[in-house]
Amino acid sequence: MAQKDETVEAAKKAAKEKVDFIRHLIIYGAVILFLAVINNLTYSGYQWWLWPALGWGIGVFFHFLSAWGLKAGKLKSLEKRLAEKEMERMKEGK
């Protein structure tokens, strides 16, 4: 029963991280759009809104990796699966 509780908690945590990322992405898009509109309404010939878009965009990218991509636990499980495949390949003599 404890294993099931841990699985449920891990699933809830992963779902929350993904929802948090989606919220972050929506806020990023809204703010950057707002800055772009301000910049173009008060056009000075320089697209300064691209700098915050780039800086914050890097943060959004790493948040994406955290929510959906690279995590220490996922990398460890990938390493374990690859090691098992290598051991099977070596046993077959290839």
Protein backbone atom coordinates (compact mmCIF):
# COMPACT_ATOMS: atom_id res chain seq x y z
CA MET A 1 0.00 0.00 0.00
CA ALA A 2 2.91 2.36 0.74
CA GLN A 3 4.23 1.83 -2.80
CA LYS A 4 0.86 2.88 -4.24
CA ASP A 5 0.79 6.02 -2.06
CA GLU A 6 4.28 6.97 -3.23
CA THR A 7 3.25 6.47 -6.86
CA VAL A 8 0.15 8.61 -6.40
CA GLU A 9 2.17 11.37 -4.72
CA ALA A 10 4.79 11.26 -7.47
CA ALA A 11 2.07 11.50 -10.12
CA LYS A 12 0.46 14.45 -8.36
CA LYS A 13 3.83 16.20 -8.08
CA ALA A 14 4.60 15.65 -11.79
CA ALA A 15 1.15 16.93 -12.78
CA LYS A 16 1.58 20.03 -10.60
CA GLU A 17 4.99 20.76 -12.16
CA LYS A 18 3.49 20.54 -15.65
CA VAL A 19 0.56 22.80 -14.75
CA ASP A 20 2.98 25.28 -13.17
CA PHE A 21 5.01 25.33 -16.38
CA ILE A 22 1.90 25.94 -18.51
CA ARG A 23 0.93 28.81 -16.20
CA HIS A 24 4.46 30.23 -16.50
CA LEU A 25 4.33 29.97 -20.31
CA ILE A 26 0.96 31.76 -20.50
CA ILE A 27 2.16 34.59 -18.25
CA TYR A 28 5.37 34.85 -20.28
CA GLY A 29 3.43 35.10 -23.54
CA ALA A 30 1.02 37.71 -22.16
CA VAL A 31 3.74 39.92 -20.68
CA ILE A 32 5.99 39.73 -23.74
CA LEU A 33 3.03 40.52 -26.00
CA PHE A 34 2.20 43.50 -23.78
CA LEU A 35 5.81 44.75 -23.94
CA ALA A 36 5.86 44.33 -27.72
CA VAL A 37 2.65 46.33 -28.07
CA ILE A 38 4.00 49.10 -25.83
CA ASN A 39 7.25 49.17 -27.82
CA ASN A 40 5.45 49.38 -31.15
CA LEU A 41 2.93 52.00 -30.00
CA THR A 42 5.75 54.22 -28.77
CA TYR A 43 8.06 53.21 -31.60
CA SER A 44 11.55 54.57 -31.20
CA GLY A 45 13.16 52.46 -33.90
CA TYR A 46 14.58 49.93 -31.44
CA GLN A 47 12.86 46.67 -30.53
CA TRP A 48 13.89 46.61 -26.86
CA TRP A 49 11.18 44.10 -25.90
CA LEU A 50 13.25 41.36 -27.52
CA TRP A 51 15.79 41.51 -24.66
CA PRO A 52 13.33 40.60 -21.89
CA ALA A 53 11.77 38.04 -24.26
CA LEU A 54 15.17 36.40 -24.71
CA GLY A 55 16.18 36.52 -21.05
CA TRP A 56 12.88 35.31 -19.68
CA GLY A 57 12.57 32.84 -22.56
CA ILE A 58 15.73 31.10 -21.39
CA GLY A 59 14.12 30.70 -17.98
CA VAL A 60 10.95 29.34 -19.56
CA PHE A 61 13.04 26.84 -21.55
CA PHE A 62 14.73 25.53 -18.41
CA HIS A 63 11.37 25.37 -16.65
CA PHE A 64 10.14 23.23 -19.57
CA LEU A 65 13.12 20.90 -19.18
CA SER A 66 12.41 20.65 -15.48
CA ALA A 67 8.72 19.87 -15.96
CA TRP A 68 8.85 17.56 -18.98
CA GLY A 69 12.44 16.74 -19.72
CA LEU A 70 15.63 16.32 -17.83
CA LYS A 71 15.40 15.38 -14.19
CA ALA A 72 17.93 13.55 -12.10
CA GLY A 73 15.51 10.68 -11.48
CA LYS A 74 14.70 10.30 -15.16
CA LEU A 75 18.37 10.36 -16.08
CA LYS A 76 19.15 7.71 -13.47
CA SER A 77 16.37 5.46 -14.79
CA LEU A 78 17.59 6.02 -18.36
CA GLU A 79 21.12 5.13 -17.28
CA LYS A 80 19.84 1.96 -15.59
CA ARG A 81 17.85 0.89 -18.69
CA LEU A 82 20.82 1.53 -20.98
CA ALA A 83 23.12 -0.44 -18.66
CA GLU A 84 20.65 -3.36 -18.69
CA LYS A 85 20.54 -3.30 -22.50
CA GLU A 86 24.34 -3.26 -22.64
CA MET A 87 24.52 -6.24 -20.29
CA GLU A 88 22.03 -8.15 -22.47
CA ARG A 89 24.02 -7.28 -25.58
CA MET A 90 27.25 -8.46 -23.94
CA LYS A 91 25.63 -11.74 -22.82
CA GLU A 92 24.56 -12.37 -26.42
CA GLY A 93 28.20 -11.94 -27.47
CA LYS A 94 27.70 -9.00 -29.79
